[in-house]
Protein backbone atom coordinates (compact mmCIF):
# COMPACT_ATOMS: atom_id res chain seq x y z
CA MET A 1 -10.31 -6.26 -6.04
CA PHE A 2 -7.27 -7.95 -4.99
CA GLY A 3 -8.73 -10.77 -3.11
CA GLY A 4 -7.74 -9.37 0.43
CA ILE A 5 -9.30 -6.67 3.02
CA GLY A 6 -8.76 -3.28 2.22
CA PHE A 7 -8.23 -0.07 4.73
CA GLY A 8 -9.91 3.07 3.89
CA ILE A 9 -8.89 6.70 5.08
CA ASP A 10 -12.07 9.73 3.23
CA GLY A 11 -13.00 7.10 0.22
CA HIS A 12 -9.26 6.12 -0.36
CA MET A 13 -7.78 3.20 -0.14
CA ALA A 14 -4.68 3.64 2.09
CA MET A 15 -3.33 0.10 2.09
CA GLY A 16 -4.76 -3.50 2.17
CA VAL A 17 -3.53 -6.82 3.41
CA GLY A 18 -3.14 -9.26 0.13
CA GLY A 19 -4.76 -12.81 -0.22
CA GLU A 20 -1.32 -13.91 -1.10
CA GLY A 21 0.28 -12.68 2.55
CA GLY A 22 1.74 -9.51 3.03
CA MET A 23 0.61 -5.89 2.68
CA LEU A 24 -0.93 -3.68 -0.32
CA ILE A 25 0.83 -0.09 0.24
CA HIS A 26 -0.57 2.89 -1.43
CA CYS A 27 1.96 5.70 -2.45
CA SER A 28 2.58 8.66 -4.60
CA ARG A 29 3.82 7.68 -7.85
CA GLN A 30 7.03 10.01 -7.69
CA GLU A 31 7.85 8.09 -4.55
CA THR A 32 7.16 4.52 -5.61
CA GLU A 33 10.93 3.74 -6.77
CA ALA A 34 12.32 4.91 -3.40
CA PHE A 35 9.91 2.40 -1.98
CA LEU A 36 10.70 -0.21 -3.95
CA ALA A 37 14.74 0.10 -2.83
CA LYS A 38 13.39 -1.29 0.62
CA ARG A 39 13.67 -4.63 1.60
CA GLY A 40 10.57 -6.67 0.77
CA ALA A 41 8.93 -4.19 -1.24
CA ARG A 42 7.97 -5.06 -4.70
CA PRO A 43 5.58 -3.80 -7.76
CA PHE A 44 1.95 -4.61 -7.05
CA GLU A 45 0.54 -6.24 -9.73
CA LEU A 46 -2.87 -6.67 -10.79
CA ARG A 47 -4.11 -9.06 -13.71
CA GLY A 48 -0.46 -8.91 -15.19
CA GLY A 49 -0.68 -4.78 -15.33
CA GLU A 50 1.63 -3.50 -12.70
CA MET A 51 -0.53 -0.51 -10.85
CA LYS A 52 1.58 2.64 -10.33
CA GLY A 53 1.42 3.93 -6.66
CA TRP A 54 0.88 0.59 -5.24
CA LEU A 55 3.53 -2.00 -3.84
CA ARG A 56 3.57 -5.01 -2.35
CA VAL A 57 5.56 -5.80 0.68
CA ASP A 58 6.31 -9.22 1.82
CA ALA A 59 4.85 -10.61 4.88
CA GLU A 60 8.40 -11.16 6.48
CA SER A 61 9.30 -7.48 5.75
CA VAL A 62 6.50 -6.41 8.19
CA SER A 63 6.01 -8.90 10.58
CA THR A 64 7.00 -7.07 13.95
CA LYS A 65 5.34 -3.80 14.83
CA ARG A 66 8.87 -1.88 14.08
CA ALA A 67 9.02 -3.09 10.49
CA LEU A 68 5.21 -2.47 10.12
CA GLU A 69 4.94 1.13 11.37
CA PRO A 70 6.51 2.99 8.67
CA TRP A 71 4.81 1.51 5.87
CA VAL A 72 1.33 2.22 7.49
CA THR A 73 2.33 5.92 8.62
CA GLN A 74 3.56 6.03 5.04
CA SER A 75 0.33 5.06 3.75
CA VAL A 76 -2.33 6.78 5.98
CA SER A 77 -0.40 9.96 5.45
CA PHE A 78 -0.56 9.92 1.36
CA ALA A 79 -4.25 8.62 2.01
CA ARG A 80 -4.92 11.75 4.45
CA ALA A 81 -3.20 14.51 1.79
CA LEU A 82 -6.04 13.21 -0.84
CA PRO A 83 -9.08 15.40 -0.95
CA PRO A 84 -12.07 13.37 0.45
CA LYS A 85 -13.91 11.61 -2.28
CA GLU A 86 -17.48 12.54 -2.16
CA LYS A 87 -20.15 10.40 -1.43
CA LYS A 88 -22.53 9.06 -3.84
């Protein structure tokens, strides 16, 4: 879908490693603006349209464990809070 590798929890994608570098982060639509204020974060665009609830974080902004950990923790927490998807 986005040219990278995605990591899911209970059928929901939590985060991904994008084909153009950096990370894709899943968050609530309400939290998107607050996360965009963080260094290296920008809206995630797919096929020319912005995907609400998804952010792209530049590789330089997640290049250390200390910088990466809050993004991973946030994404995992968000995905775990969603109801599990039913298997088809």
